[in-house]
Every structure is written in C-alpha cells, then in structure tokens.
PDB file of N, CA and C in Angstrom:
ATOM      1  N   UNK A   1       0.849  -1.189   0.000  1.00  0.00           N
ATOM      2  CA  UNK A   1       0.000   0.000   0.000  1.00  0.00           C
ATOM      3  C   UNK A   1       0.889   1.245   0.000  1.00  0.00           C
ATOM      4  N   UNK A   2       0.618   2.158  -0.917  1.00  0.00           N
ATOM      5  CA  UNK A   2       1.377   3.406  -1.020  1.00  0.00           C
ATOM      6  C   UNK A   2       0.908   4.392   0.054  1.00  0.00           C
ATOM      7  N   UNK A   3       1.856   5.127   0.595  1.00  0.00           N
ATOM      8  CA  UNK A   3       1.568   6.096   1.651  1.00  0.00           C
ATOM      9  C   UNK A   3       1.673   7.514   1.111  1.00  0.00           C
ATOM     10  N   UNK A   4       0.667   8.328   1.447  1.00  0.00           N
ATOM     11  CA  UNK A   4       0.627   9.720   1.033  1.00  0.00           C
ATOM     12  C   UNK A   4       0.640  10.595   2.278  1.00  0.00           C
ATOM     13  N   UNK A   5       1.528  11.575   2.293  1.00  0.00           N
ATOM     14  CA  UNK A   5       1.533  12.594   3.333  1.00  0.00           C
ATOM     15  C   UNK A   5       0.787  13.799   2.773  1.00  0.00           C
ATOM     16  N   UNK A   6      -0.308  14.174   3.421  1.00  0.00           N
ATOM     17  CA  UNK A   6      -1.162  15.273   2.961  1.00  0.00           C
ATOM     18  C   UNK A   6      -0.983  16.445   3.912  1.00  0.00           C
ATOM     19  N   UNK A   7      -0.300  17.495   3.442  1.00  0.00           N
ATOM     20  CA  UNK A   7      -0.023  18.675   4.265  1.00  0.00           C
ATOM     21  C   UNK A   7      -0.989  19.771   3.836  1.00  0.00           C
ATOM     22  N   UNK A   8      -2.007  19.985   4.658  1.00  0.00           N
ATOM     23  CA  UNK A   8      -3.117  20.884   4.338  1.00  0.00           C
ATOM     24  C   UNK A   8      -3.701  21.394   5.646  1.00  0.00           C
ATOM     25  N   UNK A   9      -3.842  22.728   5.782  1.00  0.00           N
ATOM     26  CA  UNK A   9      -4.340  23.289   7.035  1.00  0.00           C
ATOM     27  C   UNK A   9      -5.863  23.400   7.093  1.00  0.00           C
ATOM     28  N   UNK A  10      -6.539  23.208   5.983  1.00  0.00           N
ATOM     29  CA  UNK A  10      -8.000  23.275   5.968  1.00  0.00           C
ATOM     30  C   UNK A  10      -8.551  21.903   6.361  1.00  0.00           C
ATOM     31  N   UNK A  11      -9.085  21.805   7.581  1.00  0.00           N
ATOM     32  CA  UNK A  11      -9.465  20.500   8.130  1.00  0.00           C
ATOM     33  C   UNK A  11     -10.549  19.788   7.330  1.00  0.00           C
ATOM     34  N   UNK A  12     -11.506  20.513   6.779  1.00  0.00           N
ATOM     35  CA  UNK A  12     -12.578  19.871   6.010  1.00  0.00           C
ATOM     36  C   UNK A  12     -12.002  19.201   4.760  1.00  0.00           C
ATOM     37  N   UNK A  13     -11.114  19.886   4.065  1.00  0.00           N
ATOM     38  CA  UNK A  13     -10.485  19.298   2.885  1.00  0.00           C
ATOM     39  C   UNK A  13      -9.565  18.149   3.286  1.00  0.00           C
ATOM     40  N   UNK A  14      -8.862  18.317   4.377  1.00  0.00           N
ATOM     41  CA  UNK A  14      -7.980  17.260   4.886  1.00  0.00           C
ATOM     42  C   UNK A  14      -8.781  15.970   5.099  1.00  0.00           C
ATOM     43  N   UNK A  15      -9.972  16.101   5.700  1.00  0.00           N
ATOM     44  CA  UNK A  15     -10.793  14.925   5.979  1.00  0.00           C
ATOM     45  C   UNK A  15     -11.403  14.330   4.707  1.00  0.00           C
ATOM     46  N   UNK A  16     -12.045  15.142   3.879  1.00  0.00           N
ATOM     47  CA  UNK A  16     -12.734  14.593   2.696  1.00  0.00           C
ATOM     48  C   UNK A  16     -11.744  14.020   1.688  1.00  0.00           C
ATOM     49  N   UNK A  17     -10.664  14.742   1.414  1.00  0.00           N
ATOM     50  CA  UNK A  17      -9.672  14.214   0.470  1.00  0.00           C
ATOM     51  C   UNK A  17      -8.972  12.995   1.050  1.00  0.00           C
ATOM     52  N   UNK A  18      -8.669  13.043   2.342  1.00  0.00           N
ATOM     53  CA  UNK A  18      -8.042  11.890   3.002  1.00  0.00           C
ATOM     54  C   UNK A  18      -8.922  10.655   2.927  1.00  0.00           C
ATOM     55  N   UNK A  19     -10.213  10.821   3.207  1.00  0.00           N
ATOM     56  CA  UNK A  19     -11.150   9.691   3.123  1.00  0.00           C
ATOM     57  C   UNK A  19     -11.219   9.146   1.700  1.00  0.00           C
ATOM     58  N   UNK A  20     -11.266  10.034   0.722  1.00  0.00           N
ATOM     59  CA  UNK A  20     -11.340   9.608  -0.678  1.00  0.00           C
ATOM     60  C   UNK A  20     -10.082   8.843  -1.080  1.00  0.00           C
ATOM     61  N   UNK A  21      -8.924   9.324  -0.664  1.00  0.00           N
ATOM     62  CA  UNK A  21      -7.675   8.629  -0.986  1.00  0.00           C
ATOM     63  C   UNK A  21      -7.596   7.271  -0.281  1.00  0.00           C
ATOM     64  N   UNK A  22      -8.075   7.198   0.953  1.00  0.00           N
ATOM     65  CA  UNK A  22      -8.098   5.909   1.668  1.00  0.00           C
ATOM     66  C   UNK A  22      -9.006   4.911   0.952  1.00  0.00           C
ATOM     67  N   UNK A  23     -10.173   5.384   0.507  1.00  0.00           N
ATOM     68  CA  UNK A  23     -11.096   4.513  -0.225  1.00  0.00           C
ATOM     69  C   UNK A  23     -10.470   4.001  -1.518  1.00  0.00           C
ATOM     70  N   UNK A  24      -9.549   4.773  -2.079  1.00  0.00           N
ATOM     71  CA  UNK A  24      -8.857   4.371  -3.308  1.00  0.00           C
ATOM     72  C   UNK A  24      -7.683   3.434  -3.022  1.00  0.00           C
ATOM     73  N   UNK A  25      -7.451   3.130  -1.734  1.00  0.00           N
ATOM     74  CA  UNK A  25      -6.436   2.145  -1.384  1.00  0.00           C
ATOM     75  C   UNK A  25      -5.111   2.701  -0.896  1.00  0.00           C
ATOM     76  N   UNK A  26      -5.068   3.979  -0.569  1.00  0.00           N
ATOM     77  CA  UNK A  26      -3.837   4.585  -0.078  1.00  0.00           C
ATOM     78  C   UNK A  26      -3.875   4.743   1.441  1.00  0.00           C
ATOM     79  N   UNK A  27      -2.702   4.690   2.059  1.00  0.00           N
ATOM     80  CA  UNK A  27      -2.584   5.074   3.459  1.00  0.00           C
ATOM     81  C   UNK A  27      -2.319   6.578   3.459  1.00  0.00           C
ATOM     82  N   UNK A  28      -3.016   7.324   4.303  1.00  0.00           N
ATOM     83  CA  UNK A  28      -2.870   8.779   4.328  1.00  0.00           C
ATOM     84  C   UNK A  28      -2.419   9.225   5.716  1.00  0.00           C
ATOM     85  N   UNK A  29      -1.355  10.006   5.732  1.00  0.00           N
ATOM     86  CA  UNK A  29      -0.852  10.645   6.943  1.00  0.00           C
ATOM     87  C   UNK A  29      -1.153  12.127   6.795  1.00  0.00           C
ATOM     88  N   UNK A  30      -1.692  12.745   7.828  1.00  0.00           N
ATOM     89  CA  UNK A  30      -2.121  14.142   7.745  1.00  0.00           C
ATOM     90  C   UNK A  30      -1.240  15.051   8.580  1.00  0.00           C
ATOM     91  N   UNK A  31      -1.004  16.242   8.034  1.00  0.00           N
ATOM     92  CA  UNK A  31      -0.309  17.297   8.771  1.00  0.00           C
ATOM     93  C   UNK A  31      -1.049  18.601   8.520  1.00  0.00           C
ATOM     94  N   UNK A  32      -1.266  19.373   9.572  1.00  0.00           N
ATOM     95  CA  UNK A  32      -2.013  20.624   9.457  1.00  0.00           C
ATOM     96  C   UNK A  32      -1.122  21.855   9.332  1.00  0.00           C
ATOM     97  N   UNK A  33       0.198  21.688   9.418  1.00  0.00           N
ATOM     98  CA  UNK A  33       1.102  22.820   9.180  1.00  0.00           C
ATOM     99  C   UNK A  33       2.412  22.308   8.584  1.00  0.00           C
ATOM    100  N   UNK A  34       3.203  23.246   8.080  1.00  0.00           N
ATOM    101  CA  UNK A  34       4.433  22.890   7.394  1.00  0.00           C
ATOM    102  C   UNK A  34       5.478  22.234   8.270  1.00  0.00           C
ATOM    103  N   UNK A  35       5.612  22.683   9.512  1.00  0.00           N
ATOM    104  CA  UNK A  35       6.611  22.094  10.411  1.00  0.00           C
ATOM    105  C   UNK A  35       6.321  20.619  10.669  1.00  0.00           C
ATOM    106  N   UNK A  36       5.073  20.308  10.988  1.00  0.00           N
ATOM    107  CA  UNK A  36       4.690  18.912  11.245  1.00  0.00           C
ATOM    108  C   UNK A  36       4.869  18.089   9.971  1.00  0.00           C
ATOM    109  N   UNK A  37       4.481  18.659   8.831  1.00  0.00           N
ATOM    110  CA  UNK A  37       4.634  17.949   7.566  1.00  0.00           C
ATOM    111  C   UNK A  37       6.071  17.589   7.271  1.00  0.00           C
ATOM    112  N   UNK A  38       6.981  18.506   7.503  1.00  0.00           N
ATOM    113  CA  UNK A  38       8.399  18.255   7.272  1.00  0.00           C
ATOM    114  C   UNK A  38       8.908  17.141   8.180  1.00  0.00           C
ATOM    115  N   UNK A  39       8.520  17.192   9.444  1.00  0.00           N
ATOM    116  CA  UNK A  39       8.945  16.166  10.393  1.00  0.00           C
ATOM    117  C   UNK A  39       8.387  14.792  10.012  1.00  0.00           C
ATOM    118  N   UNK A  40       7.092  14.754   9.646  1.00  0.00           N
ATOM    119  CA  UNK A  40       6.481  13.476   9.264  1.00  0.00           C
ATOM    120  C   UNK A  40       7.112  12.895   7.998  1.00  0.00           C
ATOM    121  N   UNK A  41       7.488  13.753   7.066  1.00  0.00           N
ATOM    122  CA  UNK A  41       8.123  13.263   5.842  1.00  0.00           C
ATOM    123  C   UNK A  41       9.435  12.550   6.168  1.00  0.00           C
ATOM    124  N   UNK A  42      10.190  13.114   7.088  1.00  0.00           N
ATOM    125  CA  UNK A  42      11.464  12.492   7.486  1.00  0.00           C
ATOM    126  C   UNK A  42      11.228  11.194   8.249  1.00  0.00           C
ATOM    127  N   UNK A  43      10.218  11.188   9.129  1.00  0.00           N
ATOM    128  CA  UNK A  43       9.948  10.016   9.976  1.00  0.00           C
ATOM    129  C   UNK A  43       9.274   8.874   9.229  1.00  0.00           C
ATOM    130  N   UNK A  44       8.344   9.193   8.345  1.00  0.00           N
ATOM    131  CA  UNK A  44       7.481   8.172   7.731  1.00  0.00           C
ATOM    132  C   UNK A  44       7.887   7.785   6.310  1.00  0.00           C
ATOM    133  N   UNK A  45       8.723   8.592   5.656  1.00  0.00           N
ATOM    134  CA  UNK A  45       9.173   8.317   4.296  1.00  0.00           C
ATOM    135  C   UNK A  45       8.012   7.946   3.362  1.00  0.00           C
ATOM    136  N   UNK A  46       7.064   8.862   3.145  1.00  0.00           N
ATOM    137  CA  UNK A  46       5.903   8.549   2.301  1.00  0.00           C
ATOM    138  C   UNK A  46       6.298   8.374   0.830  1.00  0.00           C
ATOM    139  N   UNK A  47       5.403   7.765   0.055  1.00  0.00           N
ATOM    140  CA  UNK A  47       5.638   7.578  -1.376  1.00  0.00           C
ATOM    141  C   UNK A  47       5.325   8.848  -2.161  1.00  0.00           C
ATOM    142  N   UNK A  48       4.496   9.724  -1.582  1.00  0.00           N
ATOM    143  CA  UNK A  48       4.080  10.962  -2.239  1.00  0.00           C
ATOM    144  C   UNK A  48       3.681  11.973  -1.180  1.00  0.00           C
ATOM    145  N   UNK A  49       3.947  13.243  -1.462  1.00  0.00           N
ATOM    146  CA  UNK A  49       3.479  14.333  -0.597  1.00  0.00           C
ATOM    147  C   UNK A  49       2.523  15.188  -1.414  1.00  0.00           C
ATOM    148  N   UNK A  50       1.343  15.461  -0.842  1.00  0.00           N
ATOM    149  CA  UNK A  50       0.429  16.449  -1.402  1.00  0.00           C
ATOM    150  C   UNK A  50       0.542  17.668  -0.487  1.00  0.00           C
ATOM    151  N   UNK A  51       0.894  18.811  -1.075  1.00  0.00           N
ATOM    152  CA  UNK A  51       1.291  19.977  -0.297  1.00  0.00           C
ATOM    153  C   UNK A  51       0.494  21.215  -0.690  1.00  0.00           C
ATOM    154  N   UNK A  52      -0.114  21.848   0.308  1.00  0.00           N
ATOM    155  CA  UNK A  52      -0.722  23.163   0.107  1.00  0.00           C
ATOM    156  C   UNK A  52       0.399  24.195   0.220  1.00  0.00           C
ATOM    157  N   UNK A  53       0.225  25.371  -0.360  1.00  0.00           N
ATOM    158  CA  UNK A  53       1.246  26.415  -0.268  1.00  0.00           C
ATOM    159  C   UNK A  53       0.986  27.387   0.870  1.00  0.00           C
ATOM    160  N   UNK A  54      -0.291  27.617   1.193  1.00  0.00           N
ATOM    161  CA  UNK A  54      -0.641  28.556   2.260  1.00  0.00           C
ATOM    162  C   UNK A  54      -0.845  27.744   3.537  1.00  0.00           C
ATOM    163  N   UNK A  55       0.194  27.755   4.376  1.00  0.00           N
ATOM    164  CA  UNK A  55       0.205  26.939   5.596  1.00  0.00           C
ATOM    165  C   UNK A  55       0.726  27.761   6.770  1.00  0.00           C
ATOM    166  N   UNK A  56       0.299  27.404   7.990  1.00  0.00           N
ATOM    167  CA  UNK A  56       0.883  28.041   9.170  1.00  0.00           C
ATOM    168  C   UNK A  56       2.301  27.508   9.432  1.00  0.00           C
ATOM    169  N   UNK A  57       3.060  28.271  10.173  1.00  0.00           N
ATOM    170  CA  UNK A  57       4.417  27.968  10.634  1.00  0.00           C
ATOM    171  C   UNK A  57       5.425  28.006   9.493  1.00  0.00           C
ATOM    172  N   UNK A  58       5.420  27.036   8.582  1.00  0.00           N
ATOM    173  CA  UNK A  58       6.254  27.069   7.381  1.00  0.00           C
ATOM    174  C   UNK A  58       5.325  27.010   6.185  1.00  0.00           C
ATOM    175  N   UNK A  59       5.466  27.934   5.237  1.00  0.00           N
ATOM    176  CA  UNK A  59       4.586  27.853   4.072  1.00  0.00           C
ATOM    177  C   UNK A  59       5.059  26.748   3.128  1.00  0.00           C
ATOM    178  N   UNK A  60       4.238  26.448   2.140  1.00  0.00           N
ATOM    179  CA  UNK A  60       4.530  25.350   1.238  1.00  0.00           C
ATOM    180  C   UNK A  60       5.807  25.531   0.436  1.00  0.00           C
ATOM    181  N   UNK A  61       6.144  26.776   0.097  1.00  0.00           N
ATOM    182  CA  UNK A  61       7.392  27.032  -0.615  1.00  0.00           C
ATOM    183  C   UNK A  61       8.592  26.628   0.242  1.00  0.00           C
ATOM    184  N   UNK A  62       8.559  27.002   1.534  1.00  0.00           N
ATOM    185  CA  UNK A  62       9.649  26.659   2.452  1.00  0.00           C
ATOM    186  C   UNK A  62       9.728  25.149   2.667  1.00  0.00           C
ATOM    187  N   UNK A  63       8.568  24.514   2.788  1.00  0.00           N
ATOM    188  CA  UNK A  63       8.523  23.068   2.988  1.00  0.00           C
ATOM    189  C   UNK A  63       9.105  22.352   1.769  1.00  0.00           C
ATOM    190  N   UNK A  64       8.681  22.750   0.587  1.00  0.00           N
ATOM    191  CA  UNK A  64       9.168  22.125  -0.640  1.00  0.00           C
ATOM    192  C   UNK A  64      10.678  22.295  -0.777  1.00  0.00           C
ATOM    193  N   UNK A  65      11.165  23.495  -0.516  1.00  0.00           N
ATOM    194  CA  UNK A  65      12.607  23.750  -0.587  1.00  0.00           C
ATOM    195  C   UNK A  65      13.359  22.845   0.396  1.00  0.00           C
ATOM    196  N   UNK A  66      12.848  22.736   1.617  1.00  0.00           N
ATOM    197  CA  UNK A  66      13.486  21.886   2.624  1.00  0.00           C
ATOM    198  C   UNK A  66      13.453  20.411   2.207  1.00  0.00           C
ATOM    199  N   UNK A  67      12.327  19.956   1.633  1.00  0.00           N
ATOM    200  CA  UNK A  67      12.240  18.572   1.150  1.00  0.00           C
ATOM    201  C   UNK A  67      13.347  18.275   0.158  1.00  0.00           C
ATOM    202  N   UNK A  68      13.498  19.160  -0.803  1.00  0.00           N
ATOM    203  CA  UNK A  68      14.426  18.904  -1.902  1.00  0.00           C
ATOM    204  C   UNK A  68      15.883  19.081  -1.494  1.00  0.00           C
ATOM    205  N   UNK A  69      16.135  19.802  -0.399  1.00  0.00           N
ATOM    206  CA  UNK A  69      17.507  19.996   0.088  1.00  0.00           C
ATOM    207  C   UNK A  69      17.927  18.963   1.126  1.00  0.00           C
ATOM    208  N   UNK A  70      16.990  18.115   1.565  1.00  0.00           N
ATOM    209  CA  UNK A  70      17.258  17.136   2.612  1.00  0.00           C
ATOM    210  C   UNK A  70      17.367  15.748   1.997  1.00  0.00           C
ATOM    211  N   UNK A  71      18.458  15.066   2.283  1.00  0.00           N
ATOM    212  CA  UNK A  71      18.716  13.769   1.661  1.00  0.00           C
ATOM    213  C   UNK A  71      17.595  12.759   1.897  1.00  0.00           C
ATOM    214  N   UNK A  72      17.024  12.722   3.113  1.00  0.00           N
ATOM    215  CA  UNK A  72      15.986  11.725   3.423  1.00  0.00           C
ATOM    216  C   UNK A  72      14.694  11.950   2.646  1.00  0.00           C
ATOM    217  N   UNK A  73      14.444  13.191   2.188  1.00  0.00           N
ATOM    218  CA  UNK A  73      13.168  13.490   1.547  1.00  0.00           C
ATOM    219  C   UNK A  73      13.292  13.947   0.095  1.00  0.00           C
ATOM    220  N   UNK A  74      14.483  14.150  -0.401  1.00  0.00           N
ATOM    221  CA  UNK A  74      14.657  14.736  -1.738  1.00  0.00           C
ATOM    222  C   UNK A  74      14.088  13.863  -2.859  1.00  0.00           C
ATOM    223  N   UNK A  75      13.980  12.559  -2.632  1.00  0.00           N
ATOM    224  CA  UNK A  75      13.483  11.632  -3.664  1.00  0.00           C
ATOM    225  C   UNK A  75      11.952  11.549  -3.723  1.00  0.00           C
ATOM    226  N   UNK A  76      11.268  12.095  -2.718  1.00  0.00           N
ATOM    227  CA  UNK A  76       9.806  11.956  -2.633  1.00  0.00           C
ATOM    228  C   UNK A  76       9.135  12.922  -3.610  1.00  0.00           C
ATOM    229  N   UNK A  77       8.264  12.419  -4.501  1.00  0.00           N
ATOM    230  CA  UNK A  77       7.548  13.342  -5.380  1.00  0.00           C
ATOM    231  C   UNK A  77       6.573  14.210  -4.584  1.00  0.00           C
ATOM    232  N   UNK A  78       6.486  15.484  -4.970  1.00  0.00           N
ATOM    233  CA  UNK A  78       5.612  16.432  -4.285  1.00  0.00           C
ATOM    234  C   UNK A  78       4.595  16.981  -5.293  1.00  0.00           C
ATOM    235  N   UNK A  79       3.323  16.798  -4.949  1.00  0.00           N
ATOM    236  CA  UNK A  79       2.218  17.320  -5.746  1.00  0.00           C
ATOM    237  C   UNK A  79       1.643  18.512  -4.983  1.00  0.00           C
ATOM    238  N   UNK A  80       1.679  19.687  -5.592  1.00  0.00           N
ATOM    239  CA  UNK A  80       1.144  20.878  -4.943  1.00  0.00           C
ATOM    240  C   UNK A  80      -0.348  20.988  -5.262  1.00  0.00           C
ATOM    241  N   UNK A  81      -1.146  21.180  -4.213  1.00  0.00           N
ATOM    242  CA  UNK A  81      -2.592  21.356  -4.328  1.00  0.00           C
ATOM    243  C   UNK A  81      -2.938  22.638  -3.571  1.00  0.00           C
ATOM    244  N   UNK A  82      -3.289  23.697  -4.300  1.00  0.00           N
ATOM    245  CA  UNK A  82      -3.418  25.011  -3.676  1.00  0.00           C
ATOM    246  C   UNK A  82      -4.488  25.843  -4.366  1.00  0.00           C
ATOM    247  N   UNK A  83      -4.818  26.963  -3.764  1.00  0.00           N
ATOM    248  CA  UNK A  83      -5.718  27.928  -4.394  1.00  0.00           C
ATOM    249  C   UNK A  83      -4.957  29.009  -5.155  1.00  0.00           C
ATOM    250  N   UNK A  84      -3.644  29.058  -5.006  1.00  0.00           N
ATOM    251  CA  UNK A  84      -2.842  30.076  -5.685  1.00  0.00           C
ATOM    252  C   UNK A  84      -2.735  29.734  -7.164  1.00  0.00           C
ATOM    253  N   UNK A  85      -3.090  30.716  -8.016  1.00  0.00           N
ATOM    254  CA  UNK A  85      -3.101  30.465  -9.456  1.00  0.00           C
ATOM    255  C   UNK A  85      -2.094  31.297 -10.228  1.00  0.00           C
ATOM    256  N   UNK A  86      -1.306  32.110  -9.545  1.00  0.00           N
ATOM    257  CA  UNK A  86      -0.374  33.006 -10.231  1.00  0.00           C
ATOM    258  C   UNK A  86       0.723  32.254 -10.962  1.00  0.00           C
ATOM    259  N   UNK A  87       1.072  32.722 -12.146  1.00  0.00           N
ATOM    260  CA  UNK A  87       2.105  32.070 -12.948  1.00  0.00           C
ATOM    261  C   UNK A  87       3.446  32.077 -12.216  1.00  0.00           C
ATOM    262  N   UNK A  88       3.706  33.134 -11.422  1.00  0.00           N
ATOM    263  CA  UNK A  88       4.956  33.190 -10.656  1.00  0.00           C
ATOM    264  C   UNK A  88       5.007  32.065  -9.624  1.00  0.00           C
ATOM    265  N   UNK A  89       3.869  31.820  -8.958  1.00  0.00           N
ATOM    266  CA  UNK A  89       3.810  30.745  -7.962  1.00  0.00           C
ATOM    267  C   UNK A  89       4.052  29.390  -8.625  1.00  0.00           C
ATOM    268  N   UNK A  90       3.412  29.178  -9.767  1.00  0.00           N
ATOM    269  CA  UNK A  90       3.562  27.904 -10.486  1.00  0.00           C
ATOM    270  C   UNK A  90       5.020  27.705 -10.897  1.00  0.00           C
ATOM    271  N   UNK A  91       5.626  28.734 -11.477  1.00  0.00           N
ATOM    272  CA  UNK A  91       7.020  28.623 -11.913  1.00  0.00           C
ATOM    273  C   UNK A  91       7.957  28.379 -10.736  1.00  0.00           C
ATOM    274  N   UNK A  92       7.712  29.069  -9.628  1.00  0.00           N
ATOM    275  CA  UNK A  92       8.569  28.910  -8.450  1.00  0.00           C
ATOM    276  C   UNK A  92       8.484  27.480  -7.910  1.00  0.00           C
ATOM    277  N   UNK A  93       7.263  26.964  -7.805  1.00  0.00           N
ATOM    278  CA  UNK A  93       7.061  25.618  -7.269  1.00  0.00           C
ATOM    279  C   UNK A  93       7.723  24.571  -8.171  1.00  0.00           C
ATOM    280  N   UNK A  94       7.548  24.704  -9.469  1.00  0.00           N
ATOM    281  CA  UNK A  94       8.150  23.735 -10.382  1.00  0.00           C
ATOM    282  C   UNK A  94       9.672  23.841 -10.366  1.00  0.00           C
ATOM    283  N   UNK A  95      10.203  25.059 -10.220  1.00  0.00           N
ATOM    284  CA  UNK A  95      11.667  25.215 -10.153  1.00  0.00           C
ATOM    285  C   UNK A  95      12.230  24.648  -8.850  1.00  0.00           C
ATOM    286  N   UNK A  96      11.398  24.610  -7.799  1.00  0.00           N
ATOM    287  CA  UNK A  96      11.829  24.022  -6.526  1.00  0.00           C
ATOM    288  C   UNK A  96      11.742  22.494  -6.530  1.00  0.00           C
ATOM    289  N   UNK A  97      11.126  21.921  -7.578  1.00  0.00           N
ATOM    290  CA  UNK A  97      11.143  20.466  -7.696  1.00  0.00           C
ATOM    291  C   UNK A  97       9.814  19.753  -7.565  1.00  0.00           C
ATOM    292  N   UNK A  98       8.694  20.484  -7.497  1.00  0.00           N
ATOM    293  CA  UNK A  98       7.391  19.808  -7.448  1.00  0.00           C
ATOM    294  C   UNK A  98       7.144  19.081  -8.771  1.00  0.00           C
ATOM    295  N   UNK A  99       6.458  17.952  -8.703  1.00  0.00           N
ATOM    296  CA  UNK A  99       6.168  17.188  -9.920  1.00  0.00           C
ATOM    297  C   UNK A  99       4.874  17.641 -10.586  1.00  0.00           C
ATOM    298  N   UNK A 100       3.928  18.151  -9.786  1.00  0.00           N
ATOM    299  CA  UNK A 100       2.605  18.509 -10.297  1.00  0.00           C
ATOM    300  C   UNK A 100       2.095  19.728  -9.551  1.00  0.00           C
ATOM    301  N   UNK A 101       1.333  20.585 -10.252  1.00  0.00           N
ATOM    302  CA  UNK A 101       0.740  21.773  -9.642  1.00  0.00           C
ATOM    303  C   UNK A 101      -0.747  21.759  -9.966  1.00  0.00           C
ATOM    304  N   UNK A 102      -1.586  21.620  -8.954  1.00  0.00           N
ATOM    305  CA  UNK A 102      -3.035  21.574  -9.134  1.00  0.00           C
ATOM    306  C   UNK A 102      -3.687  22.718  -8.375  1.00  0.00           C
ATOM    307  N   UNK A 103      -4.621  23.392  -9.022  1.00  0.00           N
ATOM    308  CA  UNK A 103      -5.414  24.435  -8.358  1.00  0.00           C
ATOM    309  C   UNK A 103      -6.683  23.763  -7.832  1.00  0.00           C
ATOM    310  N   UNK A 104      -6.912  23.878  -6.534  1.00  0.00           N
ATOM    311  CA  UNK A 104      -8.017  23.166  -5.865  1.00  0.00           C
ATOM    312  C   UNK A 104      -9.347  23.314  -6.589  1.00  0.00           C
ATOM    313  N   UNK A 105      -9.679  24.528  -6.995  1.00  0.00           N
ATOM    314  CA  UNK A 105     -10.994  24.785  -7.588  1.00  0.00           C
ATOM    315  C   UNK A 105     -11.189  24.081  -8.929  1.00  0.00           C
ATOM    316  N   UNK A 106     -10.102  23.648  -9.553  1.00  0.00           N
ATOM    317  CA  UNK A 106     -10.187  23.056 -10.890  1.00  0.00           C
ATOM    318  C   UNK A 106     -10.262  21.528 -10.890  1.00  0.00           C
ATOM    319  N   UNK A 107     -10.226  20.893  -9.715  1.00  0.00           N
ATOM    320  CA  UNK A 107     -10.180  19.435  -9.654  1.00  0.00           C
ATOM    321  C   UNK A 107     -11.195  18.882  -8.675  1.00  0.00           C
ATOM    322  N   UNK A 108     -11.861  17.802  -9.072  1.00  0.00           N
ATOM    323  CA  UNK A 108     -12.726  17.074  -8.147  1.00  0.00           C
ATOM    324  C   UNK A 108     -11.857  16.101  -7.354  1.00  0.00           C
ATOM    325  N   UNK A 109     -12.424  15.518  -6.314  1.00  0.00           N
ATOM    326  CA  UNK A 109     -11.666  14.531  -5.539  1.00  0.00           C
ATOM    327  C   UNK A 109     -11.319  13.310  -6.395  1.00  0.00           C
ATOM    328  N   UNK A 110     -12.235  12.903  -7.265  1.00  0.00           N
ATOM    329  CA  UNK A 110     -11.963  11.764  -8.148  1.00  0.00           C
ATOM    330  C   UNK A 110     -10.787  12.068  -9.081  1.00  0.00           C
ATOM    331  N   UNK A 111     -10.737  13.301  -9.584  1.00  0.00           N
ATOM    332  CA  UNK A 111      -9.622  13.692 -10.460  1.00  0.00           C
ATOM    333  C   UNK A 111      -8.316  13.754  -9.670  1.00  0.00           C
ATOM    334  N   UNK A 112      -8.391  14.177  -8.419  1.00  0.00           N
ATOM    335  CA  UNK A 112      -7.205  14.187  -7.569  1.00  0.00           C
ATOM    336  C   UNK A 112      -6.660  12.772  -7.419  1.00  0.00           C
ATOM    337  N   UNK A 113      -7.533  11.813  -7.166  1.00  0.00           N
ATOM    338  CA  UNK A 113      -7.101  10.415  -7.022  1.00  0.00           C
ATOM    339  C   UNK A 113      -6.423   9.945  -8.312  1.00  0.00           C
ATOM    340  N   UNK A 114      -6.970  10.280  -9.455  1.00  0.00           N
ATOM    341  CA  UNK A 114      -6.374   9.884 -10.732  1.00  0.00           C
ATOM    342  C   UNK A 114      -4.992  10.518 -10.912  1.00  0.00           C
ATOM    343  N   UNK A 115      -4.838  11.773 -10.512  1.00  0.00           N
ATOM    344  CA  UNK A 115      -3.534  12.435 -10.596  1.00  0.00           C
ATOM    345  C   UNK A 115      -2.522  11.749  -9.668  1.00  0.00           C
ATOM    346  N   UNK A 116      -2.964  11.391  -8.470  1.00  0.00           N
ATOM    347  CA  UNK A 116      -2.095  10.695  -7.523  1.00  0.00           C
ATOM    348  C   UNK A 116      -1.641   9.368  -8.135  1.00  0.00           C
ATOM    349  N   UNK A 117      -2.572   8.609  -8.695  1.00  0.00           N
ATOM    350  CA  UNK A 117      -2.231   7.329  -9.316  1.00  0.00           C
ATOM    351  C   UNK A 117      -1.217   7.519 -10.454  1.00  0.00           C
ATOM    352  N   UNK A 118      -1.394   8.580 -11.240  1.00  0.00           N
ATOM    353  CA  UNK A 118      -0.479   8.793 -12.373  1.00  0.00           C
ATOM    354  C   UNK A 118       0.929   9.159 -11.891  1.00  0.00           C
ATOM    355  N   UNK A 119       1.023   9.879 -10.775  1.00  0.00           N
ATOM    356  CA  UNK A 119       2.341  10.234 -10.239  1.00  0.00           C
ATOM    357  C   UNK A 119       3.026   9.022  -9.630  1.00  0.00           C
ATOM    358  N   UNK A 120       2.232   8.165  -8.966  1.00  0.00           N
ATOM    359  CA  UNK A 120       2.801   6.975  -8.325  1.00  0.00           C
ATOM    360  C   UNK A 120       2.960   5.846  -9.330  1.00  0.00           C
TER     361      UNK A 120
END
C-alpha cells in the first residue's frame, strides 16, 4: 500500500480528500502545518506528498525547498494542491522540484485520485 503525506491546514479538505484517498487504497498521513509535515516526511518516508502552499508555521514554498535539500526526503515526489493560481507561484514551485501543480478549484476529488495514481 502506497503512503501519502497530505499537508493541508483546511481540516474539512484534509478529511474529505483523506477519506477519498483511503477509499482508493492509499494510506494517508495528515499534517495541518508545514513544520509537522516536514517532520512526518522524514519520519514516515511517504511515497508521495500532497502539499498546500498557504500553511501556518512554514509555508509550502519553504517546505518544498526543505524537502528537496534534505537527503531523506529529496526523492519523494511532491504534488502541490493550492488555491494560488499566479504564474509566478507555479514557476517557483516547479523550479523548486514539485512534480505537479493543481489548483483546488479546478479538480474534483476523483480527479485528484487519478492524478495521484499517475504520479505513483
């Protein structure tokens, strides 16, 4: 079973997306802020990270940069799922090493699961 670390501070989305991913056969680990997400990535070594950019403590840009600079986490694919749609944000995230950039409003939960499957 593949493990997904879902770093998202919006609890309703954390629960509904987490439940949907579990139903699709994934193990889901949840983090509500960037600091916890970074620690869990090092401890749990997930197969994929789904990362919001607007987070308390450490924002998603800082988390992604730390993932890619840390030997234990640099190999983990990171899928960004956010409400930020600016071209600068997209370019920055992709230059930092994210594999996928999804805008929350443009994807259903079923489409999210399909994107996760394609990355894994």
